[in-house]
Amino acid sequence: MSDNRAVVVGGGLAGVTAALELADAGLEVTLLEGRPRLGGLAFSFKRGELTVDNGQHVYLRCCTAYRWFLDRVGGAHLAPLQDRLDVPVLDVAHPKGPRLGRLRRTALPVPLHLGRSLAAYPHLSLRERAAVGRAALALRSLDPADPALDGVDFATWLGRHGQSARSVEALWDLIGIATLNATADRSSLGLAAMVFKTALLTEPGAADIGWAHVPLGELHDTLARKALDTAGVTTELRSRVGAVSRTGDGNWRVVTESGALEAGTVVLAVPQREAHALLPHGALDDADTLLDIGTAPILNVHVVYDRKVLRQPFFAALGTPVQWVFDRTDASGLTDGGQYLALSQSAAQDDIDEPVSVLRRKYLPELERLLPAARGAKVRDFFVTRERTATFAPTPGVGRLRPGPRTKAPGIHLAGAWTATGWPATMEGAVRSGVGAAHTALTELGRHHELPPGCAGGTPTSGSAGGTSGRSAA
């Protein structure tokens, strides 16, 4: 009977995905989540009349696993994609005054689809634009799965390929910080190559941007819980797991504050430090390598104005501490004529612990520099949300630390964006990890189950049980 039972620990995207896949294959699944909601670090909360996302999350058309997840929970129509990539980029530090440029694609084949945009990009000189094109072609020839790339930082490679400091700031880091949560000098070349090749150098529409037009909680909690219920998964919230141990008959006992469950299959879909604490002895050759996977913070600054100050749905900024600004008015439920903007600040080590008063003095003047209409507007509300361990740090060498889903303890499997998905810490990586863990478990049980559409390729179905050879590429 226990062979047909599975326990998934963790109700983020990785855990929900694993639970759905195991249930769809006929297992009796229980999902345990310590918080009072699902969604992990992509969630919503109430602040007065507003429904606030803890942080702005976007995905790309190339995020095929996350797109499958949205379809699976019935939420794809609530998080639509752009028809074509179009990113306004505003530089407020130009000597001749603010300049607006755009990164957008045409319908031409790769790499010509970005040629017109790059040729007209006002934030780089003609020489810098030409050098960017040459670097992009060189990047296209890299194999992100090459282990040698994992030990090199992206900035060093960019320097070797003629990229100026301005090119790094105005293009490579503009994209890289948002996707990797690190600057080029702190990013593995393997992960950076995977991001830029997949998003910009595979299909013309791969980098088209999508984002939730409703609160994230509606997708990752409400709809996810409905999908779990329909699949027959038992979901237990506020159920924190304290230990996982072997039973006398060879199954696994998962102990919570309210009792214990026994199952033949356990998926640990929790952050690396929690996984380290719960893994049975000997499950990995050197489980302490999980503790060597660093973390990186993300800060989100939330500002509610008494009037509309931004006409675009979002934009990126140069020449200012502000990185990306999103209009969250409609999604938050604000209906009284004001406007709610969310500033997404990745790689936020310098700001993550600053008091709200300090951040207010820093960011409100910057918004007024960027948005002239904000200069006469009243600030109704200003608050911040902080995720100090938002992602794993994509530092050079991290690839060898990321384990695959399989462990040396039969029945125990790992999931989470920090595992060896080949992706950085994204919603796509989390879903892929859940698929990988579920299918590794089903293979171990001798059950055949087709990979979901969009999830084949780049999702390991096996991996290092020693935690030392996780690949850093898809």
Protein backbone atom coordinates (compact mmCIF):
# COMPACT_ATOMS: atom_id res chain seq x y z
CA MET A 1 0.00 0.00 0.00
CA SER A 2 2.83 2.46 0.83
CA ASP A 3 4.26 2.07 -2.67
CA ASN A 4 1.16 3.88 -3.87
CA ARG A 5 1.51 6.71 -1.35
CA ALA A 6 3.59 9.83 -1.81
CA VAL A 7 4.25 12.82 0.40
CA VAL A 8 5.41 16.10 -1.09
CA VAL A 9 6.99 18.50 1.38
CA GLY A 10 6.63 22.12 0.26
CA GLY A 11 3.80 23.92 -1.51
CA GLY A 12 5.69 26.23 -3.84
CA LEU A 13 5.58 25.80 -7.60
CA ALA A 14 7.99 22.86 -7.43
CA GLY A 15 5.94 21.01 -4.82
CA VAL A 16 2.58 21.69 -6.44
CA THR A 17 3.94 20.49 -9.79
CA ALA A 18 5.39 17.31 -8.28
CA ALA A 19 2.12 16.58 -6.45
CA LEU A 20 0.04 17.04 -9.60
CA GLU A 21 2.32 14.81 -11.68
CA LEU A 22 2.38 12.04 -9.07
CA ALA A 23 -1.39 12.18 -8.64
CA ASP A 24 -1.95 12.16 -12.40
CA ALA A 25 0.09 8.95 -12.49
CA GLY A 26 -2.24 7.30 -9.99
CA LEU A 27 -0.45 7.79 -6.67
CA GLU A 28 -2.19 8.75 -3.45
CA VAL A 29 -0.53 12.09 -2.71
CA THR A 30 -0.41 14.32 0.35
CA LEU A 31 1.09 17.80 0.02
CA LEU A 32 2.42 19.40 3.21
CA GLU A 33 3.03 23.16 3.41
CA GLY A 34 4.07 25.01 6.54
CA ARG A 35 2.55 28.32 5.48
CA PRO A 36 -1.20 29.04 5.43
CA ARG A 37 -1.09 29.24 1.61
CA LEU A 38 0.49 27.73 -1.47
CA GLY A 39 2.81 29.49 -3.90
CA GLY A 40 6.14 29.63 -2.12
CA LEU A 41 7.84 32.97 -2.75
CA ALA A 42 5.42 33.94 -5.54
CA PHE A 43 2.40 34.90 -3.45
CA SER A 44 -0.04 37.70 -2.61
CA PHE A 45 -1.30 39.31 0.57
CA LYS A 46 -3.86 41.94 1.58
CA ARG A 47 -2.89 45.48 2.57
CA GLY A 48 -6.05 47.39 3.29
CA GLU A 49 -8.09 47.33 0.09
CA LEU A 50 -5.10 46.32 -2.02
CA THR A 51 -4.08 42.80 -2.99
CA VAL A 52 -0.29 42.94 -3.16
CA ASP A 53 2.16 40.54 -4.75
CA ASN A 54 5.25 40.09 -2.60
CA GLY A 55 7.28 40.78 -5.74
CA GLN A 56 6.84 41.31 -9.44
CA HIS A 57 7.22 38.03 -11.33
CA VAL A 58 7.37 37.71 -15.11
CA TYR A 59 8.02 34.82 -17.47
CA LEU A 60 9.03 34.48 -21.11
CA ARG A 61 7.54 32.61 -24.02
CA CYS A 62 10.49 30.19 -23.81
CA CYS A 63 9.35 29.23 -20.28
CA THR A 64 7.43 26.29 -21.66
CA ALA A 65 7.17 24.38 -18.38
CA TYR A 66 5.67 27.34 -16.51
CA ARG A 67 3.29 27.90 -19.41
CA TRP A 68 2.23 24.25 -19.07
CA PHE A 69 1.71 24.84 -15.33
CA LEU A 70 -0.55 27.81 -16.06
CA ASP A 71 -2.56 25.65 -18.45
CA ARG A 72 -2.67 22.82 -15.91
CA VAL A 73 -4.21 25.01 -13.20
CA GLY A 74 -6.47 26.85 -15.64
CA GLY A 75 -4.76 30.23 -15.37
CA ALA A 76 -3.06 30.85 -18.72
CA HIS A 77 -5.58 33.50 -19.76
CA LEU A 78 -4.85 35.43 -16.56
CA ALA A 79 -1.13 35.81 -17.35
CA PRO A 80 -0.93 36.61 -21.07
CA LEU A 81 2.21 37.11 -23.13
CA GLN A 82 3.12 40.12 -25.21
CA ASP A 83 2.41 39.72 -28.92
CA ARG A 84 6.05 40.66 -29.48
CA LEU A 85 8.90 41.57 -27.16
CA ASP A 86 8.82 45.30 -26.40
CA VAL A 87 10.75 46.74 -23.45
CA PRO A 88 10.94 50.52 -22.95
CA VAL A 89 14.34 51.48 -21.50
CA LEU A 90 14.63 54.99 -20.04
CA ASP A 91 18.06 56.51 -19.34
CA VAL A 92 17.83 59.56 -17.09
CA ALA A 93 21.57 60.15 -16.79
CA HIS A 94 22.32 61.06 -20.41
CA PRO A 95 24.20 64.39 -20.71
CA LYS A 96 21.57 65.72 -23.13
CA GLY A 97 18.63 64.75 -20.95
CA PRO A 98 16.49 61.63 -20.53
CA ARG A 99 16.45 59.26 -23.48
CA LEU A 100 13.95 56.52 -24.19
CA GLY A 101 14.98 53.44 -26.16
CA ARG A 102 13.25 50.15 -26.80
CA LEU A 103 14.34 46.55 -26.98
CA ARG A 104 11.88 44.87 -29.32
CA ARG A 105 11.81 42.21 -31.97
CA THR A 106 10.49 41.81 -35.45
CA ALA A 107 9.13 38.68 -37.13
CA LEU A 108 12.47 38.04 -38.87
CA PRO A 109 14.36 34.84 -38.05
CA VAL A 110 17.05 34.65 -35.35
CA PRO A 111 19.34 36.62 -35.02
CA LEU A 112 17.88 39.20 -37.40
CA HIS A 113 14.78 39.56 -35.22
CA LEU A 114 16.65 41.93 -32.87
CA GLY A 115 18.82 43.60 -35.50
CA ARG A 116 16.65 46.65 -36.12
CA SER A 117 16.18 47.26 -32.38
CA LEU A 118 19.89 46.95 -31.64
CA ALA A 119 20.83 49.21 -34.56
CA ALA A 120 18.58 51.96 -33.17
CA TYR A 121 19.29 51.41 -29.46
CA PRO A 122 20.21 54.92 -28.27
CA HIS A 123 21.90 53.87 -25.04
CA LEU A 124 24.98 52.47 -26.83
CA SER A 125 27.35 53.97 -29.37
CA LEU A 126 27.53 52.62 -32.90
CA ARG A 127 30.75 50.83 -32.04
CA GLU A 128 29.23 49.32 -28.89
CA ARG A 129 26.19 48.09 -30.83
CA ALA A 130 28.42 46.36 -33.36
CA ALA A 131 30.43 44.76 -30.56
CA VAL A 132 27.22 43.52 -28.92
CA GLY A 133 26.24 41.83 -32.16
CA ARG A 134 29.59 40.07 -32.39
CA ALA A 135 29.37 38.94 -28.75
CA ALA A 136 25.85 37.61 -29.32
CA LEU A 137 27.09 35.49 -32.23
CA ALA A 138 29.95 34.19 -30.06
CA LEU A 139 27.50 33.43 -27.26
CA ARG A 140 25.36 31.48 -29.69
CA SER A 141 28.26 29.09 -30.29
CA LEU A 142 28.66 28.21 -26.60
CA ASP A 143 27.31 25.00 -25.14
CA PRO A 144 25.85 25.91 -21.75
CA ALA A 145 26.14 22.25 -20.73
CA ASP A 146 29.93 22.45 -20.92
CA PRO A 147 31.11 22.13 -17.28
CA ALA A 148 34.01 24.48 -18.00
CA LEU A 149 31.59 27.37 -18.41
CA ASP A 150 30.31 26.95 -14.88
CA GLY A 151 33.61 28.09 -13.36
CA VAL A 152 33.92 31.31 -15.38
CA ASP A 153 32.13 34.53 -14.53
CA PHE A 154 30.06 36.18 -17.25
CA ALA A 155 31.79 39.57 -16.93
CA THR A 156 35.17 38.06 -17.76
CA TRP A 157 33.76 36.47 -20.90
CA LEU A 158 32.06 39.73 -21.91
CA GLY A 159 35.34 41.61 -21.46
CA ARG A 160 37.16 39.11 -23.64
CA HIS A 161 34.56 39.73 -26.33
CA GLY A 162 34.91 43.48 -26.46
CA GLN A 163 32.03 44.56 -24.24
CA SER A 164 32.46 47.97 -22.66
CA ALA A 165 31.32 48.82 -19.15
CA ARG A 166 28.48 50.78 -20.74
CA SER A 167 27.39 47.78 -22.81
CA VAL A 168 27.31 45.62 -19.70
CA GLU A 169 25.24 48.21 -17.82
CA ALA A 170 22.83 49.14 -20.60
CA LEU A 171 22.19 45.71 -22.06
CA TRP A 172 23.77 42.61 -20.56
CA ASP A 173 23.13 43.47 -16.90
CA LEU A 174 19.80 45.08 -17.75
CA ILE A 175 18.61 41.61 -18.72
CA GLY A 176 20.95 39.50 -16.62
CA ILE A 177 20.22 41.06 -13.24
CA ALA A 178 16.48 40.56 -13.77
CA THR A 179 16.83 36.91 -14.83
CA LEU A 180 19.85 35.74 -12.81
CA ASN A 181 19.51 38.00 -9.74
CA ALA A 182 23.19 38.89 -10.03
CA THR A 183 25.48 41.19 -11.92
CA ALA A 184 27.66 39.74 -14.68
CA ASP A 185 30.74 39.57 -12.44
CA ARG A 186 28.82 37.39 -9.97
CA SER A 187 27.13 35.14 -12.55
CA SER A 188 28.25 31.79 -13.88
CA LEU A 189 28.93 31.92 -17.61
CA GLY A 190 27.06 28.63 -17.93
CA LEU A 191 23.85 30.06 -16.48
CA ALA A 192 24.22 33.36 -18.33
CA ALA A 193 24.76 31.57 -21.63
CA MET A 194 21.70 29.45 -20.98
CA VAL A 195 19.55 32.54 -20.32
CA PHE A 196 20.70 34.60 -23.29
CA LYS A 197 20.80 31.70 -25.75
CA THR A 198 17.38 30.39 -24.80
CA ALA A 199 15.63 33.75 -24.61
CA LEU A 200 17.30 35.68 -27.42
CA LEU A 201 19.00 33.25 -29.78
CA THR A 202 16.64 30.30 -30.33
CA GLU A 203 13.21 31.38 -31.59
CA PRO A 204 12.16 34.92 -32.57
CA GLY A 205 9.44 35.05 -29.92
CA ALA A 206 11.31 33.27 -27.13
CA ALA A 207 11.81 36.46 -25.08
CA ASP A 208 8.26 37.80 -25.34
CA ILE A 209 7.27 38.73 -21.78
CA GLY A 210 4.25 37.53 -19.84
CA TRP A 211 3.02 38.52 -16.40
CA ALA A 212 0.00 37.97 -14.18
CA HIS A 213 -2.84 40.45 -14.69
CA VAL A 214 -4.33 39.18 -11.43
CA PRO A 215 -2.71 38.70 -8.02
CA LEU A 216 -0.19 35.85 -8.01
CA GLY A 217 -2.15 34.20 -5.22
CA GLU A 218 -5.04 33.63 -7.59
CA LEU A 219 -2.75 31.56 -9.84
CA HIS A 220 -0.37 29.87 -7.41
CA ASP A 221 -2.71 29.38 -4.47
CA THR A 222 -6.41 29.52 -5.39
CA LEU A 223 -6.24 27.87 -8.82
CA ALA A 224 -3.39 25.57 -7.79
CA ARG A 225 -5.37 24.31 -4.81
CA LYS A 226 -8.39 23.71 -7.01
CA ALA A 227 -6.25 21.69 -9.43
CA LEU A 228 -4.79 19.68 -6.56
CA ASP A 229 -8.25 18.96 -5.18
CA THR A 230 -9.48 17.84 -8.60
CA ALA A 231 -6.44 15.56 -8.98
CA GLY A 232 -7.20 13.93 -5.64
CA VAL A 233 -4.25 15.42 -3.72
CA THR A 234 -4.72 15.94 0.01
CA THR A 235 -3.32 19.39 0.82
CA GLU A 236 -2.41 20.20 4.41
CA LEU A 237 -1.49 23.80 5.12
CA ARG A 238 0.20 25.01 8.31
CA SER A 239 1.81 21.60 8.43
CA ARG A 240 5.53 21.99 9.03
CA VAL A 241 7.68 18.89 8.66
CA GLY A 242 10.20 18.20 11.40
CA ALA A 243 11.80 14.93 10.34
CA VAL A 244 11.90 12.23 7.68
CA SER A 245 13.03 8.78 8.75
CA ARG A 246 13.02 5.18 7.56
CA THR A 247 10.38 2.84 8.96
CA GLY A 248 10.98 -0.76 9.92
CA ASP A 249 9.34 -2.02 6.73
CA GLY A 250 11.47 0.14 4.44
CA ASN A 251 9.03 3.01 3.87
CA TRP A 252 9.38 6.61 5.00
CA ARG A 253 7.82 8.36 7.98
CA VAL A 254 7.24 12.10 7.59
CA VAL A 255 6.71 13.73 10.99
CA THR A 256 4.75 16.96 11.43
CA GLU A 257 3.57 18.80 14.52
CA SER A 258 0.18 17.12 14.24
CA GLY A 259 1.30 13.57 13.55
CA ALA A 260 3.11 11.35 11.08
CA LEU A 261 2.51 10.02 7.57
CA GLU A 262 4.02 6.95 5.95
CA ALA A 263 4.75 6.65 2.27
CA GLY A 264 6.99 4.89 -0.18
CA THR A 265 7.83 8.14 -2.00
CA VAL A 266 8.83 11.50 -0.53
CA VAL A 267 9.62 14.63 -2.53
CA LEU A 268 11.44 17.36 -0.63
CA ALA A 269 10.43 20.55 -2.48
CA VAL A 270 11.89 23.01 0.01
CA PRO A 271 14.88 25.40 0.01
CA GLN A 272 18.32 23.86 0.13
CA ARG A 273 18.93 24.43 3.84
CA GLU A 274 15.60 22.87 4.77
CA ALA A 275 16.31 19.96 2.46
CA HIS A 276 19.70 19.50 4.12
CA ALA A 277 18.03 19.34 7.53
CA LEU A 278 15.43 16.78 6.39
CA LEU A 279 17.53 14.48 4.20
CA PRO A 280 18.24 11.07 5.74
CA HIS A 281 21.89 10.31 6.44
CA GLY A 282 23.65 9.04 3.32
CA ALA A 283 21.05 10.33 0.88
CA LEU A 284 23.80 12.41 -0.77
CA ASP A 285 27.50 11.67 -0.83
CA ASP A 286 28.20 15.07 0.68
CA ALA A 287 24.98 16.70 1.77
CA ASP A 288 26.89 19.65 3.22
CA THR A 289 27.47 20.93 -0.33
CA LEU A 290 23.83 22.06 -0.22
CA LEU A 291 24.89 24.60 2.41
CA ASP A 292 27.45 25.99 -0.02
CA ILE A 293 24.72 27.08 -2.44
CA GLY A 294 24.45 30.76 -1.64
CA THR A 295 21.36 32.96 -1.77
CA ALA A 296 20.59 36.37 -3.23
CA PRO A 297 17.97 38.94 -2.15
CA ILE A 298 15.24 40.78 -4.04
CA LEU A 299 13.65 43.98 -2.77
CA ASN A 300 10.32 45.29 -4.02
CA VAL A 301 9.33 48.91 -3.45
CA HIS A 302 5.59 49.65 -3.60
CA VAL A 303 4.25 53.16 -4.21
CA VAL A 304 0.61 54.22 -4.47
CA TYR A 305 0.03 57.66 -6.05
CA ASP A 306 -3.18 59.67 -6.04
CA ARG A 307 -3.16 59.91 -9.85
CA LYS A 308 -1.82 58.18 -12.95
CA VAL A 309 1.90 58.87 -13.44
CA LEU A 310 2.88 56.04 -15.82
CA ARG A 311 1.17 55.15 -19.09
CA GLN A 312 3.23 52.05 -19.94
CA PRO A 313 2.60 48.67 -18.27
CA PHE A 314 6.28 48.56 -17.33
CA PHE A 315 9.72 49.92 -18.19
CA ALA A 316 13.37 49.40 -17.32
CA ALA A 317 15.64 52.23 -16.17
CA LEU A 318 19.27 53.28 -16.55
CA GLY A 319 21.25 55.97 -14.77
CA THR A 320 19.31 55.45 -11.54
CA PRO A 321 19.11 52.88 -8.73
CA VAL A 322 15.64 51.97 -10.04
CA GLN A 323 15.73 48.81 -12.16
CA TRP A 324 12.23 47.85 -13.37
CA VAL A 325 8.89 49.56 -12.72
CA PHE A 326 5.51 47.86 -13.19
CA ASP A 327 1.97 49.20 -13.10
CA ARG A 328 0.04 46.96 -10.68
CA THR A 329 -3.06 49.16 -10.40
CA ASP A 330 -5.64 46.87 -11.98
CA ALA A 331 -4.19 43.64 -10.56
CA SER A 332 -4.21 45.04 -7.03
CA GLY A 333 -7.86 46.09 -7.17
CA LEU A 334 -7.16 49.82 -6.89
CA THR A 335 -10.16 51.53 -8.48
CA ASP A 336 -10.31 55.10 -7.17
CA GLY A 337 -8.24 56.84 -9.83
CA GLY A 338 -4.84 56.43 -8.21
CA GLN A 339 -1.97 54.35 -9.53
CA TYR A 340 0.05 51.61 -7.83
CA LEU A 341 3.62 51.07 -9.04
CA ALA A 342 5.93 48.24 -8.01
CA LEU A 343 9.69 48.59 -8.34
CA SER A 344 11.49 45.27 -8.70
CA GLN A 345 15.06 45.49 -7.41
CA SER A 346 17.12 42.34 -7.98
CA ALA A 347 20.61 41.70 -6.59
CA ALA A 348 19.55 44.05 -3.79
CA GLN A 349 22.32 43.32 -1.28
CA ASP A 350 22.91 47.02 -0.61
CA ASP A 351 19.27 47.86 0.12
CA ILE A 352 17.70 44.72 1.53
CA ASP A 353 18.12 45.67 5.20
CA GLU A 354 17.67 49.44 4.91
CA PRO A 355 14.80 50.96 6.91
CA VAL A 356 11.67 51.93 5.02
CA SER A 357 12.35 55.60 5.74
CA VAL A 358 15.76 55.39 4.06
CA LEU A 359 14.33 53.60 1.04
CA ARG A 360 11.57 56.19 0.77
CA ARG A 361 14.12 59.01 0.67
CA LYS A 362 16.11 57.11 -1.94
CA TYR A 363 13.44 55.90 -4.35
CA LEU A 364 10.73 58.55 -4.41
CA PRO A 365 13.07 61.23 -5.85
CA GLU A 366 14.28 58.70 -8.41
CA LEU A 367 10.72 58.03 -9.54
CA GLU A 368 10.24 61.77 -9.95
CA ARG A 369 13.35 61.89 -12.15
CA LEU A 370 11.97 59.06 -14.27
CA LEU A 371 8.32 60.11 -14.33
CA PRO A 372 7.69 63.86 -14.55
CA ALA A 373 4.01 63.30 -13.74
CA ALA A 374 5.01 61.96 -10.32
CA ARG A 375 6.50 65.32 -9.29
CA GLY A 376 3.15 66.81 -8.47
CA ALA A 377 1.45 63.64 -7.32
CA LYS A 378 0.65 62.78 -3.71
CA VAL A 379 2.05 59.53 -2.32
CA ARG A 380 -0.81 57.73 -0.61
CA ASP A 381 1.22 54.72 0.49
CA PHE A 382 4.83 53.58 0.44
CA PHE A 383 5.97 50.17 1.65
CA VAL A 384 8.50 47.48 0.81
CA THR A 385 8.59 43.70 0.67
CA ARG A 386 11.86 41.89 1.22
CA GLU A 387 12.96 38.40 0.25
CA ARG A 388 16.42 38.04 1.73
CA THR A 389 16.87 34.55 0.30
CA ALA A 390 14.77 35.04 -2.82
CA THR A 391 16.92 32.89 -5.11
CA PHE A 392 20.01 30.79 -5.10
CA ALA A 393 23.08 32.82 -6.04
CA PRO A 394 24.19 31.97 -9.61
CA THR A 395 27.87 32.38 -8.78
CA PRO A 396 30.61 30.66 -10.78
CA GLY A 397 30.90 27.06 -9.60
CA VAL A 398 27.31 26.75 -8.38
CA GLY A 399 26.52 24.18 -11.07
CA ARG A 400 28.63 21.50 -9.43
CA LEU A 401 26.76 22.05 -6.16
CA ARG A 402 23.23 21.61 -7.52
CA PRO A 403 22.00 18.02 -7.13
CA GLY A 404 19.59 16.30 -9.46
CA PRO A 405 16.25 14.96 -8.20
CA ARG A 406 17.57 11.47 -7.43
CA THR A 407 19.22 10.66 -4.11
CA LYS A 408 20.90 7.50 -2.80
CA ALA A 409 17.95 6.91 -0.48
CA PRO A 410 15.34 4.98 -2.50
CA GLY A 411 12.07 6.87 -2.44
CA ILE A 412 13.57 10.24 -1.50
CA HIS A 413 13.67 12.88 -4.26
CA LEU A 414 14.58 16.56 -4.44
CA ALA A 415 12.80 19.47 -6.11
CA GLY A 416 13.24 23.21 -6.08
CA ALA A 417 14.60 25.86 -8.40
CA TRP A 418 18.00 25.40 -6.71
CA THR A 419 18.34 21.82 -7.96
CA ALA A 420 20.00 20.91 -11.27
CA THR A 421 17.33 22.10 -13.67
CA GLY A 422 19.74 23.92 -15.95
CA TRP A 423 17.81 27.15 -15.30
CA PRO A 424 18.47 29.99 -12.88
CA ALA A 425 16.11 30.50 -9.95
CA THR A 426 12.91 31.20 -11.88
CA MET A 427 9.34 29.99 -11.87
CA GLU A 428 10.32 27.95 -14.94
CA GLY A 429 13.13 26.27 -13.03
CA ALA A 430 10.82 25.50 -10.11
CA VAL A 431 8.22 23.81 -12.33
CA ARG A 432 10.89 21.86 -14.20
CA SER A 433 12.31 20.63 -10.91
CA GLY A 434 8.90 19.39 -9.79
CA VAL A 435 8.43 17.53 -13.06
CA GLY A 436 11.91 16.05 -12.78
CA ALA A 437 11.41 14.86 -9.21
CA ALA A 438 8.02 13.31 -9.97
CA HIS A 439 9.26 11.46 -13.03
CA THR A 440 12.35 10.22 -11.24
CA ALA A 441 10.06 8.84 -8.53
CA LEU A 442 7.75 7.22 -11.07
CA THR A 443 10.67 5.66 -12.90
CA GLU A 444 11.91 4.22 -9.61
CA LEU A 445 8.44 2.76 -9.04
CA GLY A 446 8.42 1.26 -12.52
CA ARG A 447 5.53 3.45 -13.67
CA HIS A 448 5.51 5.03 -17.10
CA HIS A 449 4.14 8.56 -17.32
CA GLU A 450 4.60 10.94 -20.23
CA LEU A 451 6.38 14.23 -19.62
CA PRO A 452 3.99 17.17 -19.84
CA PRO A 453 4.08 19.19 -23.06
CA GLY A 454 6.82 21.79 -22.88
CA CYS A 455 8.67 20.05 -20.06
CA ALA A 456 10.82 17.70 -22.12
CA GLY A 457 14.43 18.71 -22.47
CA GLY A 458 16.40 20.44 -19.77
CA THR A 459 14.62 18.60 -16.95
CA PRO A 460 16.89 15.89 -15.56
CA THR A 461 15.16 12.62 -14.77
CA SER A 462 18.23 11.53 -12.90
CA GLY A 463 21.16 13.32 -11.43
CA SER A 464 24.08 13.21 -9.11
CA ALA A 465 23.29 11.58 -5.80
CA GLY A 466 26.49 13.07 -4.49
CA GLY A 467 25.50 16.67 -5.04
CA THR A 468 28.70 17.48 -6.90
CA SER A 469 27.91 17.26 -10.60
CA GLY A 470 24.69 19.15 -11.14
CA ARG A 471 24.78 20.74 -14.59
CA SER A 472 24.44 24.49 -14.94
CA ALA A 473 22.68 24.40 -18.28
CA ALA A 474 19.57 23.17 -20.00
